[in-house]
Protein backbone atom coordinates (compact mmCIF):
# COMPACT_ATOMS: atom_id res chain seq x y z
CA UNK A 1 169.70 76.26 246.54
CA UNK A 2 167.68 79.60 247.63
CA UNK A 3 164.24 79.48 248.46
CA UNK A 4 163.72 81.23 244.89
CA UNK A 5 165.60 79.51 242.93
CA UNK A 6 163.82 76.22 244.28
CA UNK A 7 160.49 77.95 243.34
CA UNK A 8 161.33 78.84 240.02
CA UNK A 9 162.27 75.07 238.61
CA UNK A 10 159.11 74.10 239.94
CA UNK A 11 157.62 75.83 237.86
CA UNK A 12 159.59 74.37 234.73
CA UNK A 13 159.12 71.09 235.44
CA UNK A 14 154.86 71.29 236.57
CA UNK A 15 154.73 73.24 232.71
CA UNK A 16 156.66 70.81 231.46
CA UNK A 17 154.63 68.24 232.36
CA UNK A 18 151.20 69.89 231.64
CA UNK A 19 152.47 70.06 227.80
CA UNK A 20 153.84 66.60 227.79
CA UNK A 21 149.99 65.73 229.01
CA UNK A 22 149.24 67.41 226.38
CA UNK A 23 150.99 66.02 223.42
CA UNK A 24 150.22 62.61 224.81
CA UNK A 25 146.50 63.45 224.57
CA UNK A 26 146.82 64.63 220.78
CA UNK A 27 148.61 61.43 219.96
CA UNK A 28 145.49 59.51 221.61
CA UNK A 29 142.67 61.24 219.77
CA UNK A 30 144.56 61.41 216.72
CA UNK A 31 144.75 57.45 216.71
CA UNK A 32 140.69 57.39 218.02
CA UNK A 33 139.71 59.18 214.88
CA UNK A 34 142.14 57.26 212.33
CA UNK A 35 140.23 53.61 213.75
CA UNK A 36 136.61 55.29 213.43
CA UNK A 37 135.21 54.39 209.86
CA UNK A 38 135.21 56.98 207.47
CA UNK A 39 132.66 58.12 204.67
CA UNK A 40 133.81 58.34 201.58
CA UNK A 41 134.23 61.74 199.66
CA UNK A 42 131.32 62.20 196.45
CA UNK A 43 132.62 61.45 193.19
CA UNK A 44 131.41 64.62 190.70
CA UNK A 45 129.04 64.21 187.43
CA UNK A 46 130.28 65.47 185.07
CA UNK A 47 127.82 67.95 183.11
CA UNK A 48 126.01 66.15 179.45
CA UNK A 49 127.12 67.77 176.66
CA UNK A 50 124.40 67.14 174.29
CA UNK A 51 120.37 66.17 174.74
CA UNK A 52 119.50 63.31 172.88
CA UNK A 53 116.37 62.72 171.43
CA UNK A 54 113.57 60.18 172.77
CA UNK A 55 114.00 56.84 170.81
CA UNK A 56 110.44 56.62 169.03
CA UNK A 57 108.88 53.52 170.63
CA UNK A 58 107.62 52.02 166.70
CA UNK A 59 108.40 53.08 163.01
CA UNK A 60 105.33 54.88 161.54
CA UNK A 61 104.01 52.85 159.15
CA UNK A 62 103.41 54.90 155.39
CA UNK A 63 100.06 56.36 154.88
CA UNK A 64 98.73 54.44 151.23
CA UNK A 65 97.88 58.06 148.77
CA UNK A 66 94.69 57.95 147.75
CA UNK A 67 93.51 56.72 144.41
CA UNK A 68 94.16 58.84 141.33
CA UNK A 69 90.88 59.46 139.44
CA UNK A 70 89.88 57.29 137.02
CA UNK A 71 90.71 58.46 133.36
CA UNK A 72 88.27 58.08 130.70
CA UNK A 73 87.95 55.71 127.66
CA UNK A 74 86.87 56.69 124.15
CA UNK A 75 86.16 53.47 121.99
CA UNK A 76 87.74 53.06 118.29
CA UNK A 77 87.84 50.36 115.89
CA UNK A 78 90.58 47.77 117.17
CA UNK A 79 94.14 47.09 115.08
CA UNK A 80 95.85 44.10 115.11
CA UNK A 81 99.33 43.39 114.67
CA UNK A 82 99.97 40.14 112.25
CA UNK A 83 103.12 38.64 113.65
CA UNK A 84 104.46 38.82 117.12
CA UNK A 85 106.18 42.60 117.76
CA UNK A 86 109.94 42.31 118.48
CA UNK A 87 111.43 44.85 120.83
CA UNK A 88 109.46 47.04 123.52
CA UNK A 89 106.27 44.60 125.14
CA UNK A 90 102.82 46.51 123.84
CA UNK A 91 101.14 46.96 126.94
CA UNK A 92 97.00 47.12 127.38
CA UNK A 93 96.59 50.90 128.03
CA UNK A 94 93.50 53.22 127.15
CA UNK A 95 94.72 56.49 125.44
CA UNK A 96 93.15 59.70 127.12
CA UNK A 97 93.65 63.60 127.33
CA UNK A 98 96.35 63.93 130.20
CA UNK A 99 94.41 64.19 132.63
CA UNK A 100 96.96 64.89 136.79
CA UNK A 101 98.34 61.85 138.46
CA UNK A 102 97.72 58.66 136.85
CA UNK A 103 98.36 54.70 138.07
CA UNK A 104 102.20 54.42 137.19
CA UNK A 105 102.34 51.02 135.89
CA UNK A 106 105.52 49.74 135.79
CA UNK A 107 105.12 46.02 134.20
CA UNK A 108 102.16 46.36 131.94
CA UNK A 109 100.13 43.58 130.40
CA UNK A 110 101.24 42.74 126.90
CA UNK A 111 99.10 42.41 124.35
CA UNK A 112 99.22 43.34 120.63
CA UNK A 113 95.28 44.86 120.93
CA UNK A 114 95.50 48.37 119.65
CA UNK A 115 92.94 50.60 120.84
CA UNK A 116 92.95 53.67 119.82
CA UNK A 117 91.85 56.62 121.53
CA UNK A 118 89.64 59.22 119.02
CA UNK A 119 86.82 59.10 118.17
CA UNK A 120 86.51 60.64 114.87
CA UNK A 121 84.06 64.03 114.17
CA UNK A 122 82.11 62.87 110.93
CA UNK A 123 82.98 65.65 107.88
CA UNK A 124 81.82 65.31 104.49
CA UNK A 125 83.99 65.54 101.74
CA UNK A 126 84.25 69.42 101.27
CA UNK A 127 84.21 69.95 104.59
CA UNK A 128 88.02 71.99 105.91
CA UNK A 129 89.32 70.86 109.17
CA UNK A 130 92.27 71.15 111.03
CA UNK A 131 95.19 69.45 113.21
CA UNK A 132 98.20 70.32 114.64
CA UNK A 133 101.63 68.25 114.44
CA UNK A 134 104.66 69.22 117.16
CA UNK A 135 107.46 67.38 118.05
CA UNK A 136 110.57 67.49 120.27
CA UNK A 137 109.39 69.69 123.18
CA UNK A 138 112.16 67.85 125.86
CA UNK A 139 114.20 70.51 127.96
CA UNK A 140 112.07 73.50 126.21
CA UNK A 141 108.79 73.96 128.59
CA UNK A 142 108.31 77.49 127.75
CA UNK A 143 108.33 76.67 124.58
CA UNK A 144 105.89 74.14 124.46
CA UNK A 145 103.69 76.11 126.76
CA UNK A 146 103.50 78.16 123.89
CA UNK A 147 102.83 75.34 121.44
CA UNK A 148 99.83 74.27 123.46
CA UNK A 149 98.28 77.53 123.69
CA UNK A 150 98.31 78.46 120.36
CA UNK A 151 97.15 75.01 118.99
CA UNK A 152 94.37 75.31 121.74
CA UNK A 153 93.20 78.13 120.06
CA UNK A 154 93.62 78.20 115.77
CA UNK A 155 90.92 76.04 115.41
CA UNK A 156 93.15 72.52 115.29
CA UNK A 157 90.96 69.15 116.28
CA UNK A 158 93.76 67.92 118.14
CA UNK A 159 97.77 67.83 118.56
CA UNK A 160 99.89 65.45 117.16
CA UNK A 161 103.19 64.66 119.24
CA UNK A 162 106.33 63.10 117.18
CA UNK A 163 108.00 62.28 119.75
CA UNK A 164 110.57 62.85 122.93
CA UNK A 165 108.24 64.08 124.94
CA UNK A 166 110.66 64.11 127.73
CA UNK A 167 114.55 63.92 128.42
CA UNK A 168 115.02 60.77 129.60
CA UNK A 169 111.96 59.05 130.59
CA UNK A 170 112.11 59.10 134.16
CA UNK A 171 108.65 58.87 136.05
CA UNK A 172 109.58 62.55 137.53
CA UNK A 173 110.17 63.41 134.44
CA UNK A 174 106.70 62.08 133.02
CA UNK A 175 104.78 63.49 135.76
CA UNK A 176 106.62 67.10 135.38
CA UNK A 177 105.06 66.47 131.67
CA UNK A 178 101.84 65.54 132.50
CA UNK A 179 100.98 68.98 135.06
CA UNK A 180 102.48 70.47 131.71
CA UNK A 181 99.04 68.97 129.90
CA UNK A 182 96.76 69.46 132.92
CA UNK A 183 94.93 72.22 130.74
CA UNK A 184 95.31 71.51 127.30
CA UNK A 185 91.68 70.62 125.79
CA UNK A 186 92.38 69.32 122.95
CA UNK A 187 92.86 65.07 121.67
CA UNK A 188 96.72 65.03 122.16
CA UNK A 189 98.74 61.53 120.37
CA UNK A 190 102.25 61.15 120.70
CA UNK A 191 104.54 58.65 119.39
CA UNK A 192 107.73 57.65 121.27
CA UNK A 193 110.93 58.87 120.65
CA UNK A 194 114.29 57.73 121.47
CA UNK A 195 114.79 59.79 124.39
CA UNK A 196 110.72 58.80 126.32
CA UNK A 197 112.96 55.64 127.06
CA UNK A 198 116.03 55.87 127.53
CA UNK A 199 115.68 54.54 131.21
CA UNK A 200 115.05 50.68 129.27
CA UNK A 201 111.20 50.85 128.61
CA UNK A 202 108.41 52.38 127.63
CA UNK A 203 106.76 52.12 130.94
CA UNK A 204 106.58 56.05 132.11
CA UNK A 205 105.53 57.12 128.22
CA UNK A 206 102.54 54.31 128.26
CA UNK A 207 101.49 55.41 131.72
CA UNK A 208 102.26 59.38 131.21
CA UNK A 209 101.33 60.57 127.81
CA UNK A 210 98.31 58.66 127.14
CA UNK A 211 99.26 56.99 123.85
CA UNK A 212 97.06 53.34 124.17
CA UNK A 213 100.01 51.75 122.73
CA UNK A 214 103.64 52.19 121.38
CA UNK A 215 101.84 51.75 118.11
CA UNK A 216 98.41 52.64 117.18
CA UNK A 217 96.08 53.82 114.12
CA UNK A 218 92.67 55.77 113.71
CA UNK A 219 90.56 57.64 111.22
CA UNK A 220 89.29 61.45 111.10
CA UNK A 221 87.47 62.71 107.67
CA UNK A 222 89.17 61.72 105.22
CA UNK A 223 92.10 60.61 106.73
CA UNK A 224 94.14 57.47 108.11
CA UNK A 225 96.34 58.11 110.61
CA UNK A 226 99.17 55.57 111.59
CA UNK A 227 101.24 56.15 114.19
CA UNK A 228 104.46 54.33 114.60
CA UNK A 229 107.31 53.31 116.87
CA UNK A 230 111.03 54.04 115.90
CA UNK A 231 112.33 54.74 119.43
CA UNK A 232 114.66 52.26 119.00
CA UNK A 233 116.46 54.00 116.09
CA UNK A 234 115.00 52.55 113.08
CA UNK A 235 111.70 50.26 111.76
CA UNK A 236 112.91 46.93 112.34
CA UNK A 237 110.56 43.99 110.48
CA UNK A 238 107.64 43.62 113.11
CA UNK A 239 107.51 47.17 112.54
CA UNK A 240 107.18 47.49 109.21
CA UNK A 241 104.63 44.25 108.81
CA UNK A 242 102.50 45.92 111.97
CA UNK A 243 102.69 48.89 108.89
CA UNK A 244 101.78 46.92 106.35
CA UNK A 245 98.87 45.39 107.44
CA UNK A 246 97.71 48.48 108.71
CA UNK A 247 97.68 51.04 105.60
CA UNK A 248 96.52 47.86 103.53
CA UNK A 249 93.43 47.43 105.92
CA UNK A 250 91.50 51.15 105.63
CA UNK A 251 89.46 52.36 103.29
CA UNK A 252 90.42 55.94 103.64
CA UNK A 253 91.66 58.18 100.35
CA UNK A 254 94.86 59.69 102.58
CA UNK A 255 97.35 58.17 104.40
CA UNK A 256 99.47 59.34 106.71
CA UNK A 257 102.05 57.94 108.79
CA UNK A 258 104.08 59.75 111.74
CA UNK A 259 106.78 58.56 113.91
CA UNK A 260 110.14 60.01 115.26
CA UNK A 261 113.10 58.82 113.42
CA UNK A 262 112.65 60.48 109.46
CA UNK A 263 114.50 57.79 107.37
CA UNK A 264 116.31 60.50 105.17
CA UNK A 265 116.99 64.51 106.31
CA UNK A 266 116.23 66.63 103.38
CA UNK A 267 119.24 69.03 104.56
CA UNK A 268 121.73 66.35 104.06
CA UNK A 269 122.55 65.21 107.84
CA UNK A 270 122.88 61.78 109.19
CA UNK A 271 120.67 62.22 111.88
CA UNK A 272 117.80 59.89 110.99
CA UNK A 273 116.98 56.11 110.94
CA UNK A 274 119.50 53.78 112.10
CA UNK A 275 117.71 50.98 110.32
CA UNK A 276 114.74 50.19 108.45
CA UNK A 277 115.08 53.68 105.95
CA UNK A 278 114.80 51.72 102.45
CA UNK A 279 112.21 49.03 103.50
CA UNK A 280 110.57 51.77 105.19
CA UNK A 281 110.55 54.69 102.06
CA UNK A 282 109.17 51.80 99.86
CA UNK A 283 106.09 50.41 101.60
CA UNK A 284 104.70 54.39 102.11
CA UNK A 285 105.68 54.13 97.70
CA UNK A 286 103.64 50.01 98.39
CA UNK A 287 100.72 51.73 100.17
CA UNK A 288 99.85 54.66 98.62
CA UNK A 289 101.10 57.01 101.90
CA UNK A 290 100.66 60.54 101.01
CA UNK A 291 102.36 62.41 103.92
CA UNK A 292 104.56 60.55 106.68
CA UNK A 293 105.60 63.28 109.69
CA UNK A 294 108.61 62.46 111.76
CA UNK A 295 110.33 64.47 114.54
CA UNK A 296 114.24 63.91 115.92
CA UNK A 297 115.79 66.42 113.99
CA UNK A 298 115.60 69.55 115.85
CA UNK A 299 114.20 72.22 112.96
CA UNK A 300 111.65 72.49 110.48
CA UNK A 301 112.54 70.52 106.75
CA UNK A 302 110.68 69.20 103.88
CA UNK A 303 110.60 67.06 100.59
CA UNK A 304 109.07 65.15 98.49
CA UNK A 305 110.45 61.54 97.52
CA UNK A 306 108.57 59.22 95.36
CA UNK A 307 105.53 61.14 95.31
CA UNK A 308 105.60 60.75 99.43
CA UNK A 309 105.78 64.21 101.28
CA UNK A 310 108.24 63.94 103.95
CA UNK A 311 107.94 66.35 107.33
CA UNK A 312 109.93 67.36 109.99
CA UNK A 313 109.11 69.12 112.76
CA UNK A 314 110.95 69.07 115.98
CA UNK A 315 110.59 72.81 117.14
CA UNK A 316 108.53 72.41 120.41
CA UNK A 317 111.92 73.55 122.41
CA UNK A 318 114.65 70.85 122.03
CA UNK A 319 117.60 72.84 122.00
CA UNK A 320 117.53 73.70 117.90
CA UNK A 321 119.90 72.65 115.54
CA UNK A 322 120.80 75.95 113.81
CA UNK A 323 124.26 74.96 112.37
CA UNK A 324 123.17 72.62 110.01
CA UNK A 325 119.26 72.94 109.03
CA UNK A 326 118.33 76.71 107.50
CA UNK A 327 115.31 76.35 109.24
CA UNK A 328 115.70 75.79 113.42
CA UNK A 329 113.55 77.95 114.90
CA UNK A 330 111.21 76.69 117.19
CA UNK A 331 107.55 76.13 115.90
CA UNK A 332 104.42 73.74 114.94
CA UNK A 333 102.89 72.56 111.65
CA UNK A 334 99.00 73.67 111.23
CA UNK A 335 97.58 70.99 109.07
CA UNK A 336 94.25 72.22 107.10
CA UNK A 337 92.83 69.15 105.23
CA UNK A 338 89.42 69.34 102.92
CA UNK A 339 88.69 66.67 100.65
CA UNK A 340 91.44 65.03 99.51
CA UNK A 341 93.91 68.51 99.45
CA UNK A 342 96.18 68.88 102.43
CA UNK A 343 97.68 71.90 103.07
CA UNK A 344 100.39 72.92 105.71
CA UNK A 345 101.70 76.01 107.32
CA UNK A 346 104.60 76.45 109.77
CA UNK A 347 103.60 78.57 113.02
CA UNK A 348 106.34 80.25 114.61
CA UNK A 349 105.74 80.19 118.29
């Protein structure tokens, strides 16, 4: 082998050993790195999809409302029933001209004492004076507002309502009714209608209507006013006994009875008392009652039977019964009394 061939072989061997050494060093370094402890990679945190509201630290206590203003009371003679009344319990209450925000009493204290609210104005035998009667104002606030505005300016001393002041007798409806009466300037005397107690009691009626009880009476001028309770559909024996006791006790020359259900309909429909009709009408004759005012029929009608004038007024806002009644229109009655003479005017609104 020549000298040049030996040098070439020597260089190749040297390069081989250098590459082998580098490879061995690389393997050693890798083993050392694997043997060393590794730091864990951080786990990514998902971004929130909503921002929670802070939890309350305590449940707030309701702030008690301020006490309602005291309602004024006006005294009248007390009428006492002669036997326990069957049906709705009669609560202690004092009727007044309606004022805003009364205390709502869900469980009134039962009593039979009737304390009416109207303090009569003395009137001579020949002095002419006027009062108004309307009925069935439920579901018609605009018409009822017209009635109230007319009565307030027509010379009437007070307004009698023959029932169905509201549609179902809920507290919300009674509050709305009371708001509608807030600026009515005259004394207001209602009787309960069947719609005034549809929730099962007269609690709302007695708390918000201004009536002192389910039935009561008072005198004005030459007239004895008896306001009876037929809201359950008719006149039961206990109510009949109270009527007899009340009517027989008065010495007034004129007697007028007010209730919701008429004992008959002059227009011939059966929209009348469900029971007690004949006994009620017989009592009216027996006690010399001059006029009976009722509602329930959403129209105007009048008829005299056995010397008693029966008048129906149900046009203060409720849906009118135009199909069977020729005088079905929004109205109220303007009743003029002069001594023992009575005239009734139908006022359209």
